[in-house]
């Protein structure tokens, strides 16, 4: 996942701690990143297209819901998409309500069935290569089940990055959380708390992941370009985006609470 970036935080301890949806450790108010009407404040970027091109009108708003739609697609050929909010953040709580609907577009990869993500500490879309598939970032991977098998959500994936878990650097691309499996088209609330070099993932109020020191991967080609002008490989902030990886997805709320 991709180029000039600001920051990431990932991984960790599997716990059952809960978070109060109304509580906060910092001053401020929740900011609605999605206004429920249109894509104002957001920029799309698809593999093979320049930033700003909403390929096949994939990202759209209908009935007050931000939708990743594949109605205008005949088949998928690696055109991975991301929709970036036009402002970067550092310390915050990010909360999104999401669900998966419908069927995956023809020729979508098997791993991308009912798969989306909240990308944080990401580079800006204008800094991505035209053929880049994912922004350099830390991904909170959002998944739903197939009705039978277990499949956790709010996992962590690291395009161009690494994280520290329990004091050890982890270079594996994706690591599962301790969350339950959420089958079907039910709405799920994912929350990410970013404070300094620590990141925590919550699902429906339950802590499912905890990790530290998100950082650029010196072995990744896109991360190498960012490192040339970076003061440190540690990421402390960056862009926020959602994905379009071949399966229809809906978001009815995306909001952020800046923290001290």
Protein backbone atom coordinates (compact mmCIF):
# COMPACT_ATOMS: atom_id res chain seq x y z
CA UNK A 1 0.00 0.00 0.00
CA UNK A 2 1.77 3.19 -0.97
CA UNK A 3 3.83 6.42 -0.93
CA UNK A 4 4.28 9.75 0.98
CA UNK A 5 2.75 9.24 4.37
CA UNK A 6 2.41 10.68 7.80
CA UNK A 7 1.77 7.98 10.38
CA UNK A 8 0.60 4.58 11.60
CA UNK A 9 -0.04 2.63 14.78
CA UNK A 10 -0.87 -1.06 15.04
CA UNK A 11 -1.14 -4.41 16.78
CA UNK A 12 -1.03 -6.06 20.11
CA UNK A 13 -2.73 -7.52 23.07
CA UNK A 14 -5.97 -9.46 22.82
CA UNK A 15 -8.29 -8.22 25.57
CA UNK A 16 -11.96 -7.91 26.49
CA UNK A 17 -11.75 -4.31 27.68
CA UNK A 18 -14.70 -2.16 26.56
CA UNK A 19 -14.83 1.52 25.62
CA UNK A 20 -17.63 3.92 26.51
CA UNK A 21 -18.98 5.39 23.28
CA UNK A 22 -19.51 8.74 25.03
CA UNK A 23 -16.28 8.91 27.04
CA UNK A 24 -13.07 10.58 25.95
CA UNK A 25 -9.72 11.52 27.36
CA UNK A 26 -9.42 14.77 25.42
CA UNK A 27 -11.37 17.95 24.81
CA UNK A 28 -13.28 18.51 21.61
CA UNK A 29 -16.30 17.36 19.67
CA UNK A 30 -16.92 14.57 17.19
CA UNK A 31 -16.33 15.73 13.62
CA UNK A 32 -18.47 14.10 10.92
CA UNK A 33 -16.09 13.22 8.07
CA UNK A 34 -19.02 11.95 5.98
CA UNK A 35 -21.77 14.55 5.70
CA UNK A 36 -24.51 12.13 4.61
CA UNK A 37 -25.12 14.04 1.37
CA UNK A 38 -22.14 13.85 -0.97
CA UNK A 39 -18.39 13.22 -1.25
CA UNK A 40 -17.35 16.77 -0.38
CA UNK A 41 -14.02 16.68 1.46
CA UNK A 42 -12.97 13.33 -0.03
CA UNK A 43 -10.64 12.39 -2.91
CA UNK A 44 -10.75 9.01 -4.73
CA UNK A 45 -7.66 7.24 -6.04
CA UNK A 46 -7.82 4.01 -8.09
CA UNK A 47 -4.99 1.86 -9.40
CA UNK A 48 -4.37 2.93 -13.00
CA UNK A 49 -5.96 6.37 -12.55
CA UNK A 50 -4.79 9.71 -11.22
CA UNK A 51 -6.01 11.05 -7.90
CA UNK A 52 -9.47 12.58 -8.18
CA UNK A 53 -10.90 10.09 -10.69
CA UNK A 54 -13.90 8.22 -9.24
CA UNK A 55 -13.49 5.17 -11.48
CA UNK A 56 -16.88 3.83 -12.68
CA UNK A 57 -18.56 6.08 -10.09
CA UNK A 58 -17.65 3.46 -7.50
CA UNK A 59 -17.81 5.75 -4.46
CA UNK A 60 -21.24 7.36 -4.18
CA UNK A 61 -23.84 8.54 -1.70
CA UNK A 62 -27.36 7.10 -1.82
CA UNK A 63 -30.10 7.53 0.76
CA UNK A 64 -27.63 9.11 3.18
CA UNK A 65 -25.19 6.18 3.00
CA UNK A 66 -21.64 6.26 1.62
CA UNK A 67 -21.53 3.25 -0.70
CA UNK A 68 -18.77 1.35 -2.47
CA UNK A 69 -20.80 0.21 -5.49
CA UNK A 70 -19.93 -2.07 -8.40
CA UNK A 71 -23.14 -1.55 -10.39
CA UNK A 72 -21.17 0.02 -13.25
CA UNK A 73 -18.48 -2.67 -13.39
CA UNK A 74 -18.39 -5.62 -15.80
CA UNK A 75 -15.39 -7.22 -14.09
CA UNK A 76 -12.46 -6.43 -11.81
CA UNK A 77 -8.90 -6.22 -13.12
CA UNK A 78 -6.84 -4.95 -10.22
CA UNK A 79 -8.38 -1.47 -10.01
CA UNK A 80 -8.12 -1.19 -6.22
CA UNK A 81 -9.61 2.04 -4.94
CA UNK A 82 -9.32 4.28 -1.89
CA UNK A 83 -11.34 7.31 -0.84
CA UNK A 84 -9.22 9.78 1.15
CA UNK A 85 -10.45 12.42 3.55
CA UNK A 86 -8.73 15.69 2.64
CA UNK A 87 -7.17 16.34 6.03
CA UNK A 88 -4.52 14.51 8.04
CA UNK A 89 -4.82 13.60 11.73
CA UNK A 90 -2.54 12.46 14.56
CA UNK A 91 -4.12 11.79 18.00
CA UNK A 92 -7.78 10.85 17.71
CA UNK A 93 -10.64 8.42 18.01
CA UNK A 94 -11.99 7.32 14.63
CA UNK A 95 -15.38 5.61 14.51
CA UNK A 96 -17.18 4.07 11.53
CA UNK A 97 -20.38 2.07 11.11
CA UNK A 98 -20.14 -0.31 8.18
CA UNK A 99 -21.68 -3.37 6.57
CA UNK A 100 -21.18 -5.52 3.47
CA UNK A 101 -23.97 -6.00 0.94
CA UNK A 102 -24.60 -7.84 -2.30
CA UNK A 103 -22.17 -9.90 -4.33
CA UNK A 104 -18.53 -9.36 -5.21
CA UNK A 105 -17.84 -8.05 -8.71
CA UNK A 106 -16.76 -10.64 -11.30
CA UNK A 107 -13.05 -11.58 -11.13
CA UNK A 108 -12.55 -9.98 -7.72
CA UNK A 109 -9.82 -11.79 -5.72
CA UNK A 110 -10.99 -14.49 -3.32
CA UNK A 111 -9.43 -12.78 -0.30
CA UNK A 112 -11.38 -9.58 -1.06
CA UNK A 113 -14.85 -11.10 -0.55
CA UNK A 114 -16.61 -8.99 2.11
CA UNK A 115 -13.37 -7.11 2.67
CA UNK A 116 -12.79 -3.38 3.17
CA UNK A 117 -10.62 -1.32 5.49
CA UNK A 118 -9.96 1.90 7.36
CA UNK A 119 -6.52 3.10 6.30
CA UNK A 120 -4.77 5.39 8.79
CA UNK A 121 -1.39 7.14 8.93
CA UNK A 122 -1.49 7.09 5.15
CA UNK A 123 0.22 9.03 2.43
CA UNK A 124 -1.71 11.54 0.35
CA UNK A 125 -3.44 10.30 -2.82
CA UNK A 126 -1.58 12.83 -4.96
CA UNK A 127 1.70 11.26 -3.83
CA UNK A 128 0.77 7.75 -4.96
CA UNK A 129 2.05 6.28 -8.19
CA UNK A 130 -0.63 5.93 -10.89
CA UNK A 131 -0.30 2.14 -10.82
CA UNK A 132 0.04 1.88 -7.02
CA UNK A 133 -2.45 -0.52 -5.48
CA UNK A 134 -2.50 0.64 -1.84
CA UNK A 135 -1.32 3.74 -0.01
CA UNK A 136 1.55 3.29 2.41
CA UNK A 137 -0.48 3.15 5.59
CA UNK A 138 -1.75 1.05 8.46
CA UNK A 139 -4.96 -0.79 7.63
CA UNK A 140 -7.70 -1.68 10.08
CA UNK A 141 -9.04 -4.55 7.98
CA UNK A 142 -12.84 -4.84 8.01
CA UNK A 143 -14.30 -8.29 7.22
CA UNK A 144 -17.56 -10.16 7.59
CA UNK A 145 -18.22 -13.90 7.71
CA UNK A 146 -19.68 -16.26 5.13
CA UNK A 147 -22.38 -17.53 7.45
CA UNK A 148 -20.40 -20.55 8.61
CA UNK A 149 -16.69 -20.05 9.20
CA UNK A 150 -15.01 -17.84 11.78
CA UNK A 151 -13.51 -14.63 10.41
CA UNK A 152 -12.35 -11.83 12.68
CA UNK A 153 -12.62 -8.14 11.83
CA UNK A 154 -10.56 -5.08 12.77
CA UNK A 155 -7.43 -7.04 11.92
CA UNK A 156 -4.27 -5.21 10.99
CA UNK A 157 -2.56 -5.16 7.59
CA UNK A 158 0.55 -3.16 6.81
CA UNK A 159 1.08 -1.94 3.23
CA UNK A 160 4.56 -0.46 3.29
CA UNK A 161 4.68 -0.46 7.08
CA UNK A 162 5.46 -2.56 10.17
CA UNK A 163 4.30 -2.42 13.79
CA UNK A 164 5.48 -3.47 17.23
CA UNK A 165 3.48 -5.98 19.27
CA UNK A 166 4.41 -6.88 22.83
CA UNK A 167 7.78 -5.19 22.32
CA UNK A 168 8.70 -7.08 19.15
CA UNK A 169 8.80 -5.76 15.58
CA UNK A 170 6.27 -7.64 13.43
CA UNK A 171 6.81 -7.68 9.67
CA UNK A 172 4.00 -10.09 8.70
CA UNK A 173 1.53 -8.34 6.40
CA UNK A 174 -1.77 -9.19 8.15
CA UNK A 175 -2.52 -10.28 11.72
CA UNK A 176 -5.93 -11.26 13.06
CA UNK A 177 -7.63 -9.53 15.94
CA UNK A 178 -9.50 -11.22 18.78
CA UNK A 179 -12.92 -10.09 17.54
CA UNK A 180 -16.01 -12.21 17.05
CA UNK A 181 -17.25 -13.06 13.55
CA UNK A 182 -20.03 -10.87 12.16
CA UNK A 183 -21.95 -12.71 9.45
CA UNK A 184 -24.31 -11.34 6.85
CA UNK A 185 -25.28 -7.73 6.22
CA UNK A 186 -25.44 -6.52 9.83
CA UNK A 187 -24.11 -3.10 10.79
CA UNK A 188 -20.87 -3.17 12.82
CA UNK A 189 -19.15 -0.31 14.65
CA UNK A 190 -15.37 -0.14 14.35
CA UNK A 191 -13.35 2.33 16.43
CA UNK A 192 -9.65 3.16 16.37
CA UNK A 193 -7.93 5.05 19.17
CA UNK A 194 -4.60 6.65 18.21
CA UNK A 195 -2.61 8.19 21.07
CA UNK A 196 1.05 8.89 20.53
CA UNK A 197 2.75 5.71 19.32
CA UNK A 198 -0.05 3.41 20.52
CA UNK A 199 -3.07 2.23 18.53
CA UNK A 200 -6.08 0.26 19.71
CA UNK A 201 -8.91 -1.33 17.71
CA UNK A 202 -12.43 -1.76 19.09
CA UNK A 203 -15.42 -3.58 17.63
CA UNK A 204 -18.86 -2.76 19.03
CA UNK A 205 -17.09 -1.33 22.09
CA UNK A 206 -14.77 -4.29 22.74
CA UNK A 207 -10.98 -3.99 22.54
CA UNK A 208 -9.70 -6.49 19.96
CA UNK A 209 -6.20 -5.22 19.06
CA UNK A 210 -3.43 -3.17 20.69
CA UNK A 211 -0.02 -2.32 19.19
CA UNK A 212 2.73 0.28 19.07
CA UNK A 213 5.23 2.16 16.90
CA UNK A 214 3.74 2.01 13.39
CA UNK A 215 6.65 2.61 11.06
CA UNK A 216 7.76 2.71 7.46
CA UNK A 217 9.09 -0.58 6.08
CA UNK A 218 12.60 0.07 4.67
CA UNK A 219 12.20 -2.97 2.40
CA UNK A 220 9.10 -1.62 0.65
CA UNK A 221 9.75 0.34 -2.54
CA UNK A 222 7.10 3.01 -1.90
CA UNK A 223 8.08 3.39 1.75
CA UNK A 224 11.70 3.84 0.66
CA UNK A 225 10.69 6.92 -1.32
CA UNK A 226 8.99 8.40 1.72
CA UNK A 227 11.99 7.63 3.92
CA UNK A 228 14.23 9.73 1.69
CA UNK A 229 12.57 12.88 3.05
CA UNK A 230 11.45 11.65 6.47
CA UNK A 231 13.03 12.60 9.78
CA UNK A 232 12.05 9.24 11.26
CA UNK A 233 10.60 5.94 10.12
CA UNK A 234 8.07 6.10 12.97
CA UNK A 235 4.62 7.25 11.82
CA UNK A 236 2.62 9.56 14.07
CA UNK A 237 -0.15 10.71 11.74
CA UNK A 238 -1.39 10.87 8.18
CA UNK A 239 -4.43 10.50 5.97
CA UNK A 240 -7.54 8.42 6.58
CA UNK A 241 -9.23 6.49 3.79
CA UNK A 242 -11.68 3.68 3.08
CA UNK A 243 -11.26 1.01 0.42
CA UNK A 244 -12.87 -0.38 -2.71
CA UNK A 245 -11.44 -3.88 -3.11
CA UNK A 246 -14.20 -5.49 -5.26
CA UNK A 247 -17.02 -6.12 -2.74
CA UNK A 248 -19.91 -3.64 -2.22
CA UNK A 249 -19.69 -1.94 1.18
CA UNK A 250 -21.74 0.71 2.96
CA UNK A 251 -20.78 3.27 5.60
CA UNK A 252 -23.55 5.17 7.36
CA UNK A 253 -21.21 7.09 9.67
CA UNK A 254 -17.53 8.05 9.70
CA UNK A 255 -16.54 10.44 12.48
CA UNK A 256 -13.45 11.53 14.35
CA UNK A 257 -12.75 12.98 17.79
CA UNK A 258 -9.38 14.78 18.04
CA UNK A 259 -7.59 14.09 21.32
CA UNK A 260 -5.12 16.15 23.33
